[in-house]
Amino acid sequence: MSTRRVFLSSIKLTEAPDAHAELWLDRYINDVGESKKRSDFIAEVSTIPTPGIYVTFYNRWMQMLKALGAKWHPARVKTRMIVGLGDESVLETAIALHRIYGVPYIPGSALKGLAASYARQRLAEDWQKDSDAYKVIFGNTDEAGYITFFDALYIPKPGFDHKALHPDVITVHHQKYYQDPNNPPADWDDPNPVPFLTATGNYLIALAGSELEKQEEWIEATFTILENALADMGIGAKTSSGYGRMDLLPE
């Protein structure tokens, strides 16, 4: 059993004001070896409300973006989103949560990677790796791009039931077959449900390009790529199952 776990069976989340979801997942986890216990624990963590101090931080973040001359759009998660599912975790699954405030967010690097992938796969030759437009926005191995992709922070309140997290489950029906193809799947295989956390709500996607002559045009082009990429490809894990689809909303 991991030494990183701290077993605090006497503490309930309902008794912990401004509880930190990542700390509960990573440090204050009880012995949840059984699937039912894991499911109950995940469901309990999903009830953690957005800390009041996060709202103050979010407002300061908005002021900083204004001072930098950044442009932004809210983006709404259509169903659920899972960024960081395969990250290190004491559970079998993980989710990207803000280290200080414990709320979900989308790393700027993930947004940039998604937009770059969409440009290469779905756009014309003018947006391939060796094109000038691609290099301006995304850069290459020799030079960074001119567009800054900020982390997309959770916008307080709009999540499901005004919460940013929601429990979900992946059920592996033929575990032995996936581990060893020589064991063919059978009707009598025991399903293995794996509970995990997903994110809901709206996220603030912000871009800046202060060193560009036609900054607004380049930022608008980048937002157009992001809008299509988030709607068509989705971000994070399990996008083939419909997770991670987002709608870009008016500023």
Protein backbone atom coordinates (compact mmCIF):
# COMPACT_ATOMS: atom_id res chain seq x y z
CA MET A 1 0.00 0.00 0.00
CA SER A 2 1.36 3.39 -0.97
CA THR A 3 3.05 5.35 1.82
CA ARG A 4 1.74 8.54 0.21
CA ARG A 5 -1.77 7.79 1.44
CA VAL A 6 -2.98 9.23 4.72
CA PHE A 7 -5.93 7.38 6.18
CA LEU A 8 -8.33 9.85 7.76
CA SER A 9 -11.48 7.76 8.15
CA SER A 10 -12.86 10.03 10.84
CA ILE A 11 -13.01 13.12 8.56
CA LYS A 12 -16.00 13.72 6.30
CA LEU A 13 -16.01 16.08 3.36
CA THR A 14 -19.21 17.63 4.61
CA GLU A 15 -17.25 18.70 7.69
CA ALA A 16 -14.31 20.14 5.73
CA PRO A 17 -14.97 23.70 4.52
CA ASP A 18 -13.09 24.69 1.33
CA ALA A 19 -11.93 21.10 0.88
CA HIS A 20 -9.24 20.54 -1.76
CA ALA A 21 -10.22 17.83 -4.26
CA GLU A 22 -6.66 16.93 -5.27
CA LEU A 23 -5.55 16.55 -1.67
CA TRP A 24 -8.46 14.22 -0.97
CA LEU A 25 -7.61 12.17 -4.05
CA ASP A 26 -3.87 12.08 -3.46
CA ARG A 27 -3.31 12.33 0.30
CA TYR A 28 -6.44 11.87 2.35
CA ILE A 29 -7.72 8.76 0.62
CA ASN A 30 -9.07 5.91 2.72
CA ASP A 31 -8.41 2.24 1.97
CA VAL A 32 -10.57 1.93 -1.13
CA GLY A 33 -9.30 -1.36 -2.52
CA GLU A 34 -12.79 -2.64 -3.34
CA SER A 35 -14.54 -1.21 -6.40
CA LYS A 36 -17.63 -0.23 -4.38
CA LYS A 37 -15.49 1.71 -1.90
CA ARG A 38 -13.65 3.45 -4.74
CA SER A 39 -16.94 4.37 -6.34
CA ASP A 40 -18.28 5.82 -3.09
CA PHE A 41 -15.06 7.76 -2.56
CA ILE A 42 -15.09 9.21 -6.09
CA ALA A 43 -18.73 10.20 -5.68
CA GLU A 44 -17.93 11.90 -2.37
CA VAL A 45 -15.03 13.89 -3.84
CA SER A 46 -17.27 15.05 -6.69
CA THR A 47 -19.49 16.83 -4.15
CA ILE A 48 -16.69 19.22 -3.14
CA PRO A 49 -17.84 22.75 -4.05
CA THR A 50 -15.60 25.34 -5.66
CA PRO A 51 -13.53 26.92 -2.84
CA GLY A 52 -14.46 30.51 -2.12
CA ILE A 53 -10.81 31.55 -2.31
CA TYR A 54 -10.70 30.27 -5.90
CA VAL A 55 -13.27 32.86 -6.96
CA THR A 56 -10.94 35.59 -5.68
CA PHE A 57 -8.03 34.05 -7.58
CA TYR A 58 -10.13 33.78 -10.77
CA ASN A 59 -11.05 37.48 -10.60
CA ARG A 60 -7.36 38.40 -10.23
CA TRP A 61 -6.57 36.15 -13.19
CA MET A 62 -9.08 38.05 -15.32
CA GLN A 63 -7.46 41.35 -14.34
CA MET A 64 -4.05 39.99 -15.31
CA LEU A 65 -5.33 38.86 -18.72
CA LYS A 66 -6.76 42.33 -19.35
CA ALA A 67 -3.45 43.94 -18.40
CA LEU A 68 -1.64 41.67 -20.86
CA GLY A 69 -4.03 42.53 -23.67
CA ALA A 70 -5.19 38.93 -23.99
CA LYS A 71 -8.40 37.92 -25.77
CA TRP A 72 -10.67 35.21 -24.40
CA HIS A 73 -13.79 33.13 -24.94
CA PRO A 74 -15.64 30.89 -22.49
CA ALA A 75 -15.89 27.27 -23.63
CA ARG A 76 -18.69 25.01 -22.43
CA VAL A 77 -18.20 21.27 -21.93
CA LYS A 78 -21.05 19.57 -23.80
CA THR A 79 -21.12 16.43 -21.63
CA ARG A 80 -18.01 15.45 -19.68
CA MET A 81 -14.28 16.07 -20.04
CA ILE A 82 -11.26 14.11 -18.79
CA VAL A 83 -7.89 15.83 -19.03
CA GLY A 84 -5.00 13.95 -17.39
CA LEU A 85 -6.70 10.54 -17.13
CA GLY A 86 -3.37 8.70 -17.39
CA ASP A 87 -1.38 10.92 -15.02
CA GLU A 88 0.22 9.49 -11.90
CA SER A 89 -2.38 8.73 -9.23
CA VAL A 90 -2.89 6.53 -6.19
CA LEU A 91 -6.07 5.39 -7.95
CA GLU A 92 -6.20 3.73 -11.38
CA THR A 93 -7.23 6.97 -13.04
CA ALA A 94 -6.45 10.67 -12.61
CA ILE A 95 -7.71 14.10 -13.63
CA ALA A 96 -5.91 17.42 -14.09
CA LEU A 97 -6.67 19.56 -11.03
CA HIS A 98 -5.20 22.92 -10.05
CA ARG A 99 -2.39 22.26 -7.56
CA ILE A 100 -3.38 25.17 -5.32
CA TYR A 101 -7.17 25.28 -5.56
CA GLY A 102 -8.10 21.72 -6.50
CA VAL A 103 -10.46 22.61 -9.37
CA PRO A 104 -10.19 21.15 -12.90
CA TYR A 105 -8.48 23.13 -15.66
CA ILE A 106 -7.14 22.63 -19.17
CA PRO A 107 -3.36 23.13 -19.54
CA GLY A 108 -2.40 25.64 -22.23
CA SER A 109 -0.08 23.02 -23.69
CA ALA A 110 -3.06 20.69 -24.25
CA LEU A 111 -4.98 23.43 -26.08
CA LYS A 112 -1.97 24.26 -28.24
CA GLY A 113 -1.38 20.61 -29.05
CA LEU A 114 -5.01 20.08 -30.01
CA ALA A 115 -5.09 23.16 -32.25
CA ALA A 116 -1.81 22.19 -33.94
CA SER A 117 -3.03 18.64 -34.52
CA TYR A 118 -6.29 19.91 -36.01
CA ALA A 119 -4.42 22.29 -38.32
CA ARG A 120 -2.19 19.49 -39.63
CA GLN A 121 -5.01 16.94 -40.05
CA ARG A 122 -7.99 19.00 -41.14
CA LEU A 123 -6.73 22.20 -42.80
CA ALA A 124 -5.14 22.84 -46.18
CA GLU A 125 -1.47 22.94 -47.15
CA ASP A 126 -1.21 26.52 -45.91
CA TRP A 127 -1.42 25.14 -42.35
CA GLN A 128 1.05 22.28 -42.49
CA LYS A 129 4.19 22.20 -40.32
CA ASP A 130 6.43 23.91 -42.85
CA SER A 131 3.97 26.72 -43.62
CA ASP A 132 4.48 30.29 -42.41
CA ALA A 133 1.04 30.47 -40.78
CA TYR A 134 1.70 27.30 -38.78
CA LYS A 135 5.07 28.58 -37.61
CA VAL A 136 3.61 31.94 -36.52
CA ILE A 137 1.02 30.32 -34.26
CA PHE A 138 2.66 27.08 -33.15
CA GLY A 139 6.37 27.54 -33.85
CA ASN A 140 8.74 24.69 -34.65
CA THR A 141 11.75 22.95 -33.13
CA ASP A 142 13.94 26.02 -33.71
CA GLU A 143 11.61 28.85 -32.69
CA ALA A 144 8.56 29.25 -30.45
CA GLY A 145 5.24 30.41 -31.86
CA TYR A 146 3.99 33.95 -31.30
CA ILE A 147 0.62 32.99 -29.81
CA THR A 148 0.49 32.34 -26.07
CA PHE A 149 -2.00 29.65 -24.99
CA PHE A 150 -2.91 30.29 -21.36
CA ASP A 151 -4.25 27.57 -19.08
CA ALA A 152 -8.05 27.47 -19.40
CA LEU A 153 -9.38 27.99 -15.88
CA TYR A 154 -12.73 26.76 -14.64
CA ILE A 155 -15.29 29.57 -14.56
CA PRO A 156 -16.94 29.45 -11.10
CA LYS A 157 -20.53 28.17 -10.88
CA PRO A 158 -21.60 26.90 -14.35
CA GLY A 159 -20.74 23.21 -13.71
CA PHE A 160 -23.28 20.41 -13.27
CA ASP A 161 -25.28 21.32 -10.14
CA HIS A 162 -22.84 24.26 -9.76
CA LYS A 163 -19.93 21.83 -9.21
CA ALA A 164 -16.95 21.27 -11.49
CA LEU A 165 -16.53 17.51 -10.92
CA HIS A 166 -18.82 14.60 -11.69
CA PRO A 167 -18.36 10.84 -11.05
CA ASP A 168 -18.24 8.36 -13.92
CA VAL A 169 -17.24 4.74 -14.50
CA ILE A 170 -15.35 2.67 -17.09
CA THR A 171 -16.31 -1.03 -17.13
CA VAL A 172 -13.77 -3.52 -18.44
CA HIS A 173 -15.77 -6.62 -19.44
CA HIS A 174 -12.96 -8.95 -20.54
CA GLN A 175 -9.93 -8.05 -18.43
CA LYS A 176 -8.06 -11.35 -18.94
CA TYR A 177 -8.39 -11.05 -22.73
CA TYR A 178 -6.98 -7.51 -22.73
CA GLN A 179 -4.04 -8.67 -20.63
CA ASP A 180 -3.42 -11.81 -22.69
CA PRO A 181 -5.01 -12.33 -26.16
CA ASN A 182 -4.58 -16.09 -25.68
CA ASN A 183 -7.47 -15.93 -23.19
CA PRO A 184 -10.51 -15.46 -25.45
CA PRO A 185 -13.39 -13.32 -24.12
CA ALA A 186 -16.31 -15.27 -22.69
CA ASP A 187 -19.79 -14.56 -21.36
CA TRP A 188 -18.78 -15.67 -17.87
CA ASP A 189 -15.98 -13.10 -17.51
CA ASP A 190 -16.45 -10.82 -14.51
CA PRO A 191 -16.81 -7.13 -15.43
CA ASN A 192 -14.39 -4.79 -13.69
CA PRO A 193 -15.94 -1.34 -13.09
CA VAL A 194 -13.35 1.45 -12.67
CA PRO A 195 -14.78 4.66 -11.15
CA PHE A 196 -13.17 7.97 -12.12
CA LEU A 197 -13.78 11.72 -12.01
CA THR A 198 -14.78 13.87 -14.97
CA ALA A 199 -15.03 17.63 -15.36
CA THR A 200 -18.05 19.70 -16.36
CA GLY A 201 -18.84 23.40 -16.68
CA ASN A 202 -17.29 26.33 -18.56
CA TYR A 203 -13.60 27.19 -18.98
CA LEU A 204 -11.97 30.47 -19.96
CA ILE A 205 -9.75 30.02 -23.02
CA ALA A 206 -7.38 32.98 -23.37
CA LEU A 207 -4.81 33.80 -26.07
CA ALA A 208 -2.26 36.58 -26.51
CA GLY A 209 0.17 37.61 -29.24
CA SER A 210 1.67 40.92 -28.22
CA GLU A 211 4.68 40.63 -30.56
CA LEU A 212 2.57 40.27 -33.71
CA GLU A 213 1.79 43.20 -35.99
CA LYS A 214 -1.73 41.97 -36.77
CA GLN A 215 -2.36 40.53 -33.33
CA GLU A 216 -6.17 40.47 -33.42
CA GLU A 217 -6.28 38.75 -36.82
CA TRP A 218 -3.89 36.01 -35.72
CA ILE A 219 -5.70 35.49 -32.43
CA GLU A 220 -9.04 35.30 -34.22
CA ALA A 221 -7.62 32.71 -36.62
CA THR A 222 -6.33 30.68 -33.67
CA PHE A 223 -9.71 30.82 -31.95
CA THR A 224 -11.36 29.60 -35.16
CA ILE A 225 -9.02 26.60 -35.25
CA LEU A 226 -9.65 25.92 -31.55
CA GLU A 227 -13.40 26.22 -31.95
CA ASN A 228 -13.46 23.59 -34.68
CA ALA A 229 -10.95 21.35 -32.93
CA LEU A 230 -12.90 21.36 -29.63
CA ALA A 231 -16.17 20.66 -31.41
CA ASP A 232 -14.92 18.00 -33.86
CA MET A 233 -12.03 16.27 -32.08
CA GLY A 234 -12.50 17.09 -28.40
CA ILE A 235 -9.80 17.46 -25.78
CA GLY A 236 -8.43 15.05 -23.20
CA ALA A 237 -9.07 11.32 -22.94
CA LYS A 238 -11.86 9.12 -24.37
CA THR A 239 -12.71 11.59 -27.12
CA SER A 240 -13.70 8.65 -29.35
CA SER A 241 -16.50 8.02 -26.85
CA GLY A 242 -17.71 11.61 -26.99
CA TYR A 243 -15.84 13.05 -24.01
CA GLY A 244 -14.06 16.40 -24.27
CA ARG A 245 -16.33 18.07 -26.83
CA MET A 246 -16.71 21.80 -26.14
CA ASP A 247 -18.60 24.77 -27.56
CA LEU A 248 -16.81 28.10 -27.83
CA LEU A 249 -19.11 30.84 -26.51
CA PRO A 250 -19.19 34.59 -27.26
CA GLU A 251 -16.83 36.73 -25.20
